[in-house]
């Protein structure tokens, strides 16, 4: 398996593929600056029903310790509940 450098072309192909796989991307901005991001994989699990799995939650280093991660997680939780998820 070749896990070398991911080219921009390959990255775009992958993003087009995940769009079709119940994937959403949530971001946090400070004006025009992207400072936080996570992926949300929506699925149905036999033991809990509709759920979401977070993928790579990230807040920029210079914005850490300001409570933004908690605010982001609170927003994610409310968003997923509004989509009918029983589990996060």
Protein backbone atom coordinates (compact mmCIF):
# COMPACT_ATOMS: atom_id res chain seq x y z
CA UNK A 1 0.00 0.00 0.00
CA UNK A 2 1.38 3.42 -0.97
CA UNK A 3 0.60 6.04 1.68
CA UNK A 4 2.85 8.75 0.27
CA UNK A 5 2.00 12.38 -0.30
CA UNK A 6 -1.66 13.15 -0.91
CA UNK A 7 -1.91 15.31 -4.02
CA UNK A 8 -4.47 18.07 -4.41
CA UNK A 9 -6.13 16.09 -7.19
CA UNK A 10 -6.43 12.98 -4.98
CA UNK A 11 -7.72 15.07 -2.07
CA UNK A 12 -10.44 16.58 -4.28
CA UNK A 13 -11.42 13.11 -5.52
CA UNK A 14 -11.71 11.87 -1.94
CA UNK A 15 -13.82 14.85 -0.88
CA UNK A 16 -16.21 14.20 -3.77
CA UNK A 17 -16.48 10.58 -2.62
CA UNK A 18 -17.15 11.36 1.06
CA UNK A 19 -19.92 13.77 0.13
CA UNK A 20 -21.86 10.69 -0.98
CA UNK A 21 -21.18 8.82 2.28
CA UNK A 22 -23.24 10.70 4.92
CA UNK A 23 -20.28 12.91 5.82
CA UNK A 24 -20.48 16.54 6.91
CA UNK A 25 -17.72 18.95 7.79
CA UNK A 26 -18.22 21.56 10.54
CA UNK A 27 -15.87 24.51 10.91
CA UNK A 28 -15.17 27.46 13.20
CA UNK A 29 -14.05 30.81 11.83
CA UNK A 30 -12.62 33.95 13.41
CA UNK A 31 -13.75 36.45 10.79
CA UNK A 32 -12.19 34.99 7.60
CA UNK A 33 -9.67 32.74 9.38
CA UNK A 34 -10.44 29.03 9.69
CA UNK A 35 -9.61 28.08 13.29
CA UNK A 36 -11.49 24.83 13.94
CA UNK A 37 -12.75 21.82 12.04
CA UNK A 38 -14.24 18.37 12.49
CA UNK A 39 -15.75 15.70 10.33
CA UNK A 40 -19.12 14.16 11.18
CA UNK A 41 -19.93 10.64 9.97
CA UNK A 42 -23.65 9.92 10.21
CA UNK A 43 -24.82 6.31 10.41
CA UNK A 44 -27.36 3.99 12.02
CA UNK A 45 -26.10 1.51 14.59
CA UNK A 46 -28.16 -1.53 15.54
CA UNK A 47 -27.70 -0.93 19.29
CA UNK A 48 -28.48 2.82 19.47
CA UNK A 49 -30.09 3.95 16.23
CA UNK A 50 -29.04 7.08 14.37
CA UNK A 51 -25.62 8.27 15.50
CA UNK A 52 -22.67 10.39 14.50
CA UNK A 53 -18.96 9.77 14.84
CA UNK A 54 -16.63 12.75 15.11
CA UNK A 55 -13.49 12.67 13.00
CA UNK A 56 -10.39 14.71 13.81
CA UNK A 57 -11.74 17.54 15.97
CA UNK A 58 -9.21 20.38 15.74
CA UNK A 59 -8.85 23.91 17.13
CA UNK A 60 -5.85 26.02 16.02
CA UNK A 61 -3.15 26.11 18.67
CA UNK A 62 -3.32 29.87 19.18
CA UNK A 63 -7.07 29.62 19.96
CA UNK A 64 -6.83 26.80 22.50
CA UNK A 65 -7.57 27.46 26.17
CA UNK A 66 -10.29 30.00 25.31
CA UNK A 67 -13.27 27.67 25.67
CA UNK A 68 -13.81 27.42 21.90
CA UNK A 69 -13.49 23.63 21.91
CA UNK A 70 -16.31 23.36 24.47
CA UNK A 71 -18.46 25.81 22.50
CA UNK A 72 -17.74 23.84 19.32
CA UNK A 73 -18.64 20.52 20.99
CA UNK A 74 -21.85 22.06 22.42
CA UNK A 75 -22.82 23.25 18.94
CA UNK A 76 -21.98 19.83 17.44
CA UNK A 77 -24.14 18.12 20.06
CA UNK A 78 -27.11 20.42 19.38
CA UNK A 79 -26.68 20.06 15.62
CA UNK A 80 -26.58 16.26 15.80
CA UNK A 81 -29.63 16.15 18.07
CA UNK A 82 -31.48 18.36 15.56
CA UNK A 83 -30.64 15.71 12.92
CA UNK A 84 -32.27 13.03 15.08
CA UNK A 85 -29.09 11.41 16.40
CA UNK A 86 -29.33 9.35 19.58
CA UNK A 87 -25.59 8.99 20.05
CA UNK A 88 -22.46 11.06 19.51
